[in-house]
Amino acid sequence: MATRSALGGVGPTGAGVSTVSFSTSYTEHKHTVVGMGARGFVVRLLQLALGAVAVDGVFGTVTRDRVMALQRSMAQPATGIVTPELWDVLEARDFPFVHQRASVLRVGDSGPEVIAVQRVLGVATTGVYDLDTREAVKAAQSQAGLASTGVVASRTWSLFDRLSA
C-alpha cells in the first residue's frame, strides 16, 4: 500500500514538523470503569455514545440496559458495567479512521485505506485513489469547510469519522 506520513508544515514541535492527534472524545476516559450510580461528565459522554438515552449524567437503569444491550450485541457478558474494553469498542465504532490520521492519500495510492475512503464517499471501490476519488474527496472537503485539496490527511480523516457515523 502506498501511503505517506503526515509530515511537513510548521507545528508545535518545530519548523518542518506538524503533529497529528490520535485522541478522541473517549481517549481520556478509556480507563474509567462506569456503572450504576455513577454521575457526571463521563456518564453524559457514555449516554451520548449509546444513543436513545436521556443525557442527564446519571447512570441509571436505562443507561445500564443500553450498556447491556451493547454488550450482548458484541457477544460479551452483559454486566452493565462500562470497562476499558467497551470504551475501545465505542471508539472504534465512532472514530473508525482515528489510526489513519498520520497517513496521507493522493492520486495513485492504493490499498485498504483507499477502499475505506471510497466507501465513505460512495464512489466505486477500486482500491486505487483515482481521479473520481480525488473529486469526491475535494467535494467532501469543500462541503465541510476544509481546504479542497483532494489529498486525504489528518483533518480529512477526522471528517471521514464524522461522515461514517
Protein backbone atom coordinates (compact mmCIF):
# COMPACT_ATOMS: atom_id res chain seq x y z
CA MET A 1 0.00 0.00 0.00
CA ALA A 2 1.31 3.40 -0.89
CA THR A 3 0.60 5.93 1.85
CA ARG A 4 2.69 8.77 3.12
CA SER A 5 3.40 10.13 6.58
CA ALA A 6 1.80 13.41 7.61
CA LEU A 7 4.97 15.43 7.98
CA GLY A 8 5.65 18.96 6.92
CA GLY A 9 4.37 22.37 7.78
CA VAL A 10 5.04 24.21 10.99
CA GLY A 11 3.69 22.76 14.19
CA PRO A 12 4.33 22.96 17.89
CA THR A 13 7.24 20.53 17.64
CA GLY A 14 9.31 22.90 15.49
CA ALA A 15 9.81 24.02 11.94
CA GLY A 16 9.05 21.41 9.33
CA VAL A 17 7.14 19.02 11.60
CA SER A 18 3.45 19.02 12.38
CA THR A 19 1.80 16.84 14.96
CA VAL A 20 -1.18 14.61 14.41
CA SER A 21 -3.58 13.91 17.24
CA PHE A 22 -4.83 10.38 17.74
CA SER A 23 -7.15 11.33 20.58
CA THR A 24 -10.91 11.26 20.53
CA SER A 25 -13.57 12.39 22.95
CA TYR A 26 -13.20 8.96 24.60
CA THR A 27 -9.41 8.86 24.96
CA GLU A 28 -9.03 10.37 28.41
CA HIS A 29 -11.89 8.24 29.78
CA LYS A 30 -10.93 4.87 28.30
CA HIS A 31 -9.56 3.61 31.62
CA THR A 32 -12.63 4.70 33.58
CA VAL A 33 -14.94 1.93 34.78
CA VAL A 34 -18.52 3.19 34.99
CA GLY A 35 -21.60 1.52 36.42
CA MET A 36 -24.88 2.04 38.26
CA GLY A 37 -24.96 5.19 40.36
CA ALA A 38 -22.09 6.96 38.60
CA ARG A 39 -22.65 10.62 37.77
CA GLY A 40 -21.01 13.36 35.81
CA PHE A 41 -19.39 14.19 32.51
CA VAL A 42 -18.14 10.68 31.70
CA VAL A 43 -21.69 9.35 32.10
CA ARG A 44 -23.03 12.07 29.78
CA LEU A 45 -20.36 11.12 27.24
CA LEU A 46 -21.39 7.48 27.53
CA GLN A 47 -25.07 8.35 27.18
CA LEU A 48 -24.36 10.34 24.02
CA ALA A 49 -22.43 7.37 22.63
CA LEU A 50 -25.21 4.91 23.46
CA GLY A 51 -27.99 6.98 21.91
CA ALA A 52 -31.70 6.59 22.74
CA VAL A 53 -30.90 7.52 26.34
CA ALA A 54 -31.63 10.76 28.16
CA VAL A 55 -28.33 12.58 28.54
CA ASP A 56 -28.64 13.52 32.20
CA GLY A 57 -25.27 12.41 33.57
CA VAL A 58 -26.82 9.79 35.84
CA PHE A 59 -26.02 6.11 35.24
CA GLY A 60 -29.41 4.59 36.00
CA THR A 61 -31.34 1.57 34.83
CA VAL A 62 -31.98 2.86 31.30
CA THR A 63 -28.28 3.53 30.74
CA ARG A 64 -27.40 0.15 32.28
CA ASP A 65 -29.90 -1.60 29.99
CA ARG A 66 -28.40 0.11 26.90
CA VAL A 67 -24.90 -0.90 28.00
CA MET A 68 -26.09 -4.49 28.49
CA ALA A 69 -27.72 -4.50 25.04
CA LEU A 70 -24.45 -3.29 23.50
CA GLN A 71 -22.51 -5.96 25.38
CA ARG A 72 -24.92 -8.68 24.19
CA SER A 73 -24.63 -7.45 20.61
CA MET A 74 -20.87 -7.99 20.90
CA ALA A 75 -21.32 -11.46 22.42
CA GLN A 76 -19.80 -10.25 25.69
CA PRO A 77 -21.14 -10.88 29.19
CA ALA A 78 -23.97 -8.41 29.79
CA THR A 79 -22.70 -6.91 33.05
CA GLY A 80 -23.99 -3.38 32.51
CA ILE A 81 -20.58 -2.08 33.57
CA VAL A 82 -18.51 0.01 31.18
CA THR A 83 -14.93 -1.25 31.09
CA PRO A 84 -11.90 -0.07 29.12
CA GLU A 85 -12.70 -2.76 26.54
CA LEU A 86 -16.17 -1.31 25.98
CA TRP A 87 -14.70 2.20 25.59
CA ASP A 88 -12.39 0.72 22.92
CA VAL A 89 -15.43 -0.71 21.09
CA LEU A 90 -17.24 2.63 21.22
CA GLU A 91 -14.14 4.46 19.99
CA ALA A 92 -13.64 2.03 17.08
CA ARG A 93 -17.29 2.44 16.14
CA ASP A 94 -17.43 6.23 16.40
CA PHE A 95 -13.90 7.07 15.19
CA PRO A 96 -13.07 4.36 12.65
CA PHE A 97 -10.35 6.45 10.99
CA VAL A 98 -8.52 7.68 14.10
CA HIS A 99 -5.50 5.47 13.43
CA GLN A 100 -5.20 6.64 9.82
CA ARG A 101 -4.72 10.31 10.78
CA ALA A 102 -0.97 10.13 10.17
CA SER A 103 -1.47 8.64 6.70
CA VAL A 104 -1.72 10.78 3.61
CA LEU A 105 -3.51 9.58 0.48
CA ARG A 106 -3.16 11.03 -3.01
CA VAL A 107 -3.96 10.07 -6.57
CA GLY A 108 -2.09 6.87 -7.43
CA ASP A 109 -2.12 5.43 -3.90
CA SER A 110 -3.79 2.07 -3.33
CA GLY A 111 -4.86 -0.31 -0.62
CA PRO A 112 -7.46 -0.87 2.09
CA GLU A 113 -7.36 2.74 3.30
CA VAL A 114 -8.35 3.88 -0.19
CA ILE A 115 -11.22 1.37 -0.23
CA ALA A 116 -12.42 2.74 3.13
CA VAL A 117 -12.36 6.30 1.76
CA GLN A 118 -14.22 5.24 -1.37
CA ARG A 119 -16.91 3.51 0.71
CA VAL A 120 -17.44 6.55 2.92
CA LEU A 121 -17.74 8.78 -0.13
CA GLY A 122 -19.92 6.39 -2.13
CA VAL A 123 -17.61 6.09 -5.13
CA ALA A 124 -16.54 2.91 -6.92
CA THR A 125 -14.43 0.80 -4.55
CA THR A 126 -11.49 0.03 -6.79
CA GLY A 127 -8.81 0.31 -4.10
CA VAL A 128 -6.94 2.79 -6.28
CA TYR A 129 -7.01 6.50 -5.47
CA ASP A 130 -8.12 7.68 -8.89
CA LEU A 131 -9.41 10.99 -10.24
CA ASP A 132 -13.04 10.17 -9.31
CA THR A 133 -11.95 9.54 -5.72
CA ARG A 134 -9.99 12.80 -5.66
CA GLU A 135 -13.02 14.75 -6.91
CA ALA A 136 -15.25 13.13 -4.27
CA VAL A 137 -12.68 13.98 -1.57
CA LYS A 138 -12.48 17.57 -2.81
CA ALA A 139 -16.27 17.89 -2.72
CA ALA A 140 -16.46 16.50 0.83
CA GLN A 141 -13.64 18.80 1.97
CA SER A 142 -15.31 21.83 0.42
CA GLN A 143 -18.68 20.97 1.96
CA ALA A 144 -17.03 20.65 5.39
CA GLY A 145 -15.21 23.98 5.06
CA LEU A 146 -11.78 22.38 4.67
CA ALA A 147 -9.23 23.29 2.03
CA SER A 148 -10.38 21.46 -1.09
CA THR A 149 -7.07 19.80 -1.97
CA GLY A 150 -8.20 16.30 -2.85
CA VAL A 151 -5.45 14.98 -0.56
CA VAL A 152 -6.55 12.94 2.45
CA ALA A 153 -4.61 13.95 5.56
CA SER A 154 -5.33 14.41 9.27
CA ARG A 155 -8.29 16.79 9.08
CA THR A 156 -9.91 14.88 6.25
CA TRP A 157 -9.59 11.60 8.19
CA SER A 158 -11.40 13.33 11.07
CA LEU A 159 -14.09 14.41 8.60
CA PHE A 160 -14.48 10.79 7.48
CA ASP A 161 -15.01 9.79 11.13
CA ARG A 162 -17.99 12.16 11.22
CA LEU A 163 -19.29 11.07 7.79
CA SER A 164 -19.18 7.39 8.71
CA ALA A 165 -21.24 7.87 11.89
